[in-house]
């Protein structure tokens, strides 16, 4: 597997991005300001990673997604480790990530990679998404924020 910069977005990239964040307007907005990468193997996009500088010395993973067919193979963890390397190489000291409070698999992965919970943005998904999101049979309302100091 190779992780490389995305030079031109394809429908395959957007399918992955929107699987992790269904608000196309928000996705379009942060893509313009971000560093964008893909996990790629044998002419197949396996996953995407979008990194956004948010504050001095802080880089946020604003989107990370692995194709359904390739989940459970460690690709998400490799993308997170790649994000840590990118952060260190570019003088960022902190990496942040946010996810839904009902995103149990993602919360497990992020904590497994060393992230710690820092805050909850109450009603984030109610304020920013027109349609109700149901995940793990629960209505998604809150964003959990996590970070790691490198």
C-alpha atoms as a PDB file:
ATOM      1  CA  UNK A   1       0.000   0.000   0.000  1.00  0.00           C
ATOM      2  CA  UNK A   2       1.182   3.495  -0.874  1.00  0.00           C
ATOM      3  CA  UNK A   3      -0.027   6.702   0.753  1.00  0.00           C
ATOM      4  CA  UNK A   4       0.303   9.645  -1.590  1.00  0.00           C
ATOM      5  CA  UNK A   5      -0.982  13.160  -2.157  1.00  0.00           C
ATOM      6  CA  UNK A   6      -4.273  13.445  -4.039  1.00  0.00           C
ATOM      7  CA  UNK A   7      -3.695  15.556  -7.145  1.00  0.00           C
ATOM      8  CA  UNK A   8      -7.218  15.382  -8.557  1.00  0.00           C
ATOM      9  CA  UNK A   9     -10.340  14.208  -6.768  1.00  0.00           C
ATOM     10  CA  UNK A  10     -12.392  11.462  -8.405  1.00  0.00           C
ATOM     11  CA  UNK A  11     -15.900  10.220  -7.681  1.00  0.00           C
ATOM     12  CA  UNK A  12     -14.219   7.359  -5.792  1.00  0.00           C
ATOM     13  CA  UNK A  13     -12.568   9.872  -3.449  1.00  0.00           C
ATOM     14  CA  UNK A  14     -15.840  11.730  -2.919  1.00  0.00           C
ATOM     15  CA  UNK A  15     -17.715   8.506  -2.175  1.00  0.00           C
ATOM     16  CA  UNK A  16     -15.209   7.786   0.603  1.00  0.00           C
ATOM     17  CA  UNK A  17     -15.199  11.367   1.912  1.00  0.00           C
ATOM     18  CA  UNK A  18     -18.992  11.489   2.054  1.00  0.00           C
ATOM     19  CA  UNK A  19     -19.168   8.098   3.771  1.00  0.00           C
ATOM     20  CA  UNK A  20     -17.278   9.682   6.678  1.00  0.00           C
ATOM     21  CA  UNK A  21     -18.921  13.112   6.453  1.00  0.00           C
ATOM     22  CA  UNK A  22     -22.275  13.297   4.621  1.00  0.00           C
ATOM     23  CA  UNK A  23     -22.321  17.124   4.484  1.00  0.00           C
ATOM     24  CA  UNK A  24     -20.967  17.847   0.985  1.00  0.00           C
ATOM     25  CA  UNK A  25     -20.842  21.597   1.664  1.00  0.00           C
ATOM     26  CA  UNK A  26     -18.568  21.093   4.701  1.00  0.00           C
ATOM     27  CA  UNK A  27     -16.390  18.608   2.778  1.00  0.00           C
ATOM     28  CA  UNK A  28     -15.983  21.007  -0.158  1.00  0.00           C
ATOM     29  CA  UNK A  29     -15.119  23.816   2.250  1.00  0.00           C
ATOM     30  CA  UNK A  30     -12.353  22.039   4.162  1.00  0.00           C
ATOM     31  CA  UNK A  31     -10.835  20.355   1.116  1.00  0.00           C
ATOM     32  CA  UNK A  32      -9.779  23.779  -0.196  1.00  0.00           C
ATOM     33  CA  UNK A  33      -7.688  24.399   2.931  1.00  0.00           C
ATOM     34  CA  UNK A  34      -6.314  20.916   3.591  1.00  0.00           C
ATOM     35  CA  UNK A  35      -3.542  18.469   2.792  1.00  0.00           C
ATOM     36  CA  UNK A  36      -5.212  15.515   1.051  1.00  0.00           C
ATOM     37  CA  UNK A  37      -3.885  11.961   0.790  1.00  0.00           C
ATOM     38  CA  UNK A  38      -5.048   8.586  -0.484  1.00  0.00           C
ATOM     39  CA  UNK A  39      -4.114   5.038   0.424  1.00  0.00           C
ATOM     40  CA  UNK A  40      -3.624   3.298  -2.897  1.00  0.00           C
ATOM     41  CA  UNK A  41      -2.786  -0.210  -4.091  1.00  0.00           C
ATOM     42  CA  UNK A  42      -3.066  -1.943  -7.472  1.00  0.00           C
ATOM     43  CA  UNK A  43      -5.002   0.916  -9.104  1.00  0.00           C
ATOM     44  CA  UNK A  44      -7.480   0.908  -6.221  1.00  0.00           C
ATOM     45  CA  UNK A  45      -8.146   3.700  -3.754  1.00  0.00           C
ATOM     46  CA  UNK A  46      -8.363   2.022  -0.351  1.00  0.00           C
ATOM     47  CA  UNK A  47      -8.847   5.113   1.795  1.00  0.00           C
ATOM     48  CA  UNK A  48      -8.518   8.866   2.167  1.00  0.00           C
ATOM     49  CA  UNK A  49      -6.980  11.149   4.779  1.00  0.00           C
ATOM     50  CA  UNK A  50      -7.611  14.892   4.985  1.00  0.00           C
ATOM     51  CA  UNK A  51      -5.409  17.031   7.274  1.00  0.00           C
ATOM     52  CA  UNK A  52      -6.280  20.641   8.120  1.00  0.00           C
ATOM     53  CA  UNK A  53      -4.016  23.080   9.981  1.00  0.00           C
ATOM     54  CA  UNK A  54      -6.315  24.650  12.592  1.00  0.00           C
ATOM     55  CA  UNK A  55      -4.075  26.572  14.997  1.00  0.00           C
ATOM     56  CA  UNK A  56      -0.349  27.159  15.326  1.00  0.00           C
ATOM     57  CA  UNK A  57       1.280  23.775  15.873  1.00  0.00           C
ATOM     58  CA  UNK A  58      -2.058  21.903  15.544  1.00  0.00           C
ATOM     59  CA  UNK A  59      -3.174  19.676  12.687  1.00  0.00           C
ATOM     60  CA  UNK A  60      -6.668  18.165  12.570  1.00  0.00           C
ATOM     61  CA  UNK A  61      -7.716  14.979  10.830  1.00  0.00           C
ATOM     62  CA  UNK A  62     -10.972  16.336   9.394  1.00  0.00           C
ATOM     63  CA  UNK A  63     -11.770  13.253   7.318  1.00  0.00           C
ATOM     64  CA  UNK A  64     -10.478   9.707   7.300  1.00  0.00           C
ATOM     65  CA  UNK A  65     -12.264   6.894   5.509  1.00  0.00           C
ATOM     66  CA  UNK A  66     -11.442   3.385   4.353  1.00  0.00           C
ATOM     67  CA  UNK A  67     -13.497   1.634   1.681  1.00  0.00           C
ATOM     68  CA  UNK A  68     -15.970  -0.878   3.044  1.00  0.00           C
ATOM     69  CA  UNK A  69     -14.208  -3.750   1.227  1.00  0.00           C
ATOM     70  CA  UNK A  70     -10.891  -2.954   2.925  1.00  0.00           C
ATOM     71  CA  UNK A  71     -11.951  -2.191   6.490  1.00  0.00           C
ATOM     72  CA  UNK A  72     -10.509  -4.282   9.307  1.00  0.00           C
ATOM     73  CA  UNK A  73      -7.127  -4.612   7.585  1.00  0.00           C
ATOM     74  CA  UNK A  74      -5.229  -1.931   9.518  1.00  0.00           C
ATOM     75  CA  UNK A  75      -5.470   0.722   6.805  1.00  0.00           C
ATOM     76  CA  UNK A  76      -7.128   3.283   9.087  1.00  0.00           C
ATOM     77  CA  UNK A  77      -4.378   2.847  11.652  1.00  0.00           C
ATOM     78  CA  UNK A  78      -1.718   3.233   8.944  1.00  0.00           C
ATOM     79  CA  UNK A  79      -3.382   6.448   7.760  1.00  0.00           C
ATOM     80  CA  UNK A  80      -3.381   7.796  11.319  1.00  0.00           C
ATOM     81  CA  UNK A  81       0.304   6.922  11.754  1.00  0.00           C
ATOM     82  CA  UNK A  82       0.964   8.676   8.440  1.00  0.00           C
ATOM     83  CA  UNK A  83      -0.855  11.746   9.802  1.00  0.00           C
ATOM     84  CA  UNK A  84       1.424  11.701  12.864  1.00  0.00           C
ATOM     85  CA  UNK A  85       4.496  11.537  10.598  1.00  0.00           C
ATOM     86  CA  UNK A  86       3.212  14.419   8.460  1.00  0.00           C
ATOM     87  CA  UNK A  87       2.560  16.456  11.597  1.00  0.00           C
ATOM     88  CA  UNK A  88       6.051  15.872  13.008  1.00  0.00           C
ATOM     89  CA  UNK A  89       7.752  16.585   9.671  1.00  0.00           C
ATOM     90  CA  UNK A  90       5.877  19.883   9.372  1.00  0.00           C
ATOM     91  CA  UNK A  91       6.421  21.110  12.959  1.00  0.00           C
ATOM     92  CA  UNK A  92       2.937  20.378  14.301  1.00  0.00           C
ATOM     93  CA  UNK A  93       2.947  19.269  17.939  1.00  0.00           C
ATOM     94  CA  UNK A  94      -0.702  18.260  18.321  1.00  0.00           C
ATOM     95  CA  UNK A  95      -3.064  16.221  16.166  1.00  0.00           C
ATOM     96  CA  UNK A  96      -6.796  16.482  16.759  1.00  0.00           C
ATOM     97  CA  UNK A  97      -9.778  14.524  15.483  1.00  0.00           C
ATOM     98  CA  UNK A  98     -13.520  14.663  16.007  1.00  0.00           C
ATOM     99  CA  UNK A  99     -16.071  11.910  15.617  1.00  0.00           C
ATOM    100  CA  UNK A 100     -19.649  11.108  16.484  1.00  0.00           C
ATOM    101  CA  UNK A 101     -20.483  10.060  20.002  1.00  0.00           C
ATOM    102  CA  UNK A 102     -22.146   6.963  18.498  1.00  0.00           C
ATOM    103  CA  UNK A 103     -19.121   6.067  16.338  1.00  0.00           C
ATOM    104  CA  UNK A 104     -17.945   3.257  18.578  1.00  0.00           C
ATOM    105  CA  UNK A 105     -15.518   1.656  16.115  1.00  0.00           C
ATOM    106  CA  UNK A 106     -13.862   4.963  15.324  1.00  0.00           C
ATOM    107  CA  UNK A 107     -13.597   5.908  19.003  1.00  0.00           C
ATOM    108  CA  UNK A 108     -11.904   2.576  19.693  1.00  0.00           C
ATOM    109  CA  UNK A 109      -9.445   3.056  16.811  1.00  0.00           C
ATOM    110  CA  UNK A 110      -8.525   6.617  17.755  1.00  0.00           C
ATOM    111  CA  UNK A 111      -7.897   5.720  21.395  1.00  0.00           C
ATOM    112  CA  UNK A 112      -5.923   2.636  20.312  1.00  0.00           C
ATOM    113  CA  UNK A 113      -3.695   5.043  18.343  1.00  0.00           C
ATOM    114  CA  UNK A 114      -3.115   7.202  21.431  1.00  0.00           C
ATOM    115  CA  UNK A 115      -5.761   9.911  21.125  1.00  0.00           C
ATOM    116  CA  UNK A 116      -7.374  11.121  24.358  1.00  0.00           C
ATOM    117  CA  UNK A 117     -10.826  12.663  24.684  1.00  0.00           C
ATOM    118  CA  UNK A 118     -10.690  16.409  25.214  1.00  0.00           C
ATOM    119  CA  UNK A 119     -14.248  17.715  24.836  1.00  0.00           C
ATOM    120  CA  UNK A 120     -17.773  17.196  23.572  1.00  0.00           C
ATOM    121  CA  UNK A 121     -19.406  19.550  21.080  1.00  0.00           C
ATOM    122  CA  UNK A 122     -23.034  19.125  22.119  1.00  0.00           C
ATOM    123  CA  UNK A 123     -25.597  19.028  19.276  1.00  0.00           C
ATOM    124  CA  UNK A 124     -22.888  19.472  16.602  1.00  0.00           C
ATOM    125  CA  UNK A 125     -24.618  17.093  14.190  1.00  0.00           C
ATOM    126  CA  UNK A 126     -28.025  18.669  14.796  1.00  0.00           C
ATOM    127  CA  UNK A 127     -26.638  22.148  14.038  1.00  0.00           C
ATOM    128  CA  UNK A 128     -24.576  21.238  10.955  1.00  0.00           C
ATOM    129  CA  UNK A 129     -26.532  18.478   9.197  1.00  0.00           C
ATOM    130  CA  UNK A 130     -29.981  18.847   7.654  1.00  0.00           C
ATOM    131  CA  UNK A 131     -30.858  15.169   7.876  1.00  0.00           C
ATOM    132  CA  UNK A 132     -30.841  13.067  11.018  1.00  0.00           C
ATOM    133  CA  UNK A 133     -27.916  10.626  11.205  1.00  0.00           C
ATOM    134  CA  UNK A 134     -28.548   7.255  12.837  1.00  0.00           C
ATOM    135  CA  UNK A 135     -25.511   5.207  13.751  1.00  0.00           C
ATOM    136  CA  UNK A 136     -25.477   1.986  15.773  1.00  0.00           C
ATOM    137  CA  UNK A 137     -29.263   2.401  16.188  1.00  0.00           C
ATOM    138  CA  UNK A 138     -28.758   5.762  17.960  1.00  0.00           C
ATOM    139  CA  UNK A 139     -29.488   9.272  16.717  1.00  0.00           C
ATOM    140  CA  UNK A 140     -26.165  11.071  16.384  1.00  0.00           C
ATOM    141  CA  UNK A 141     -26.162  14.430  18.150  1.00  0.00           C
ATOM    142  CA  UNK A 142     -22.770  15.152  19.710  1.00  0.00           C
ATOM    143  CA  UNK A 143     -19.204  15.286  18.408  1.00  0.00           C
ATOM    144  CA  UNK A 144     -16.470  13.887  20.628  1.00  0.00           C
ATOM    145  CA  UNK A 145     -13.153  15.737  20.227  1.00  0.00           C
ATOM    146  CA  UNK A 146      -9.877  13.890  20.793  1.00  0.00           C
ATOM    147  CA  UNK A 147      -6.229  14.913  20.567  1.00  0.00           C
ATOM    148  CA  UNK A 148      -2.701  13.632  20.946  1.00  0.00           C
ATOM    149  CA  UNK A 149       0.462  15.574  21.686  1.00  0.00           C
ATOM    150  CA  UNK A 150       3.343  14.199  19.654  1.00  0.00           C
END
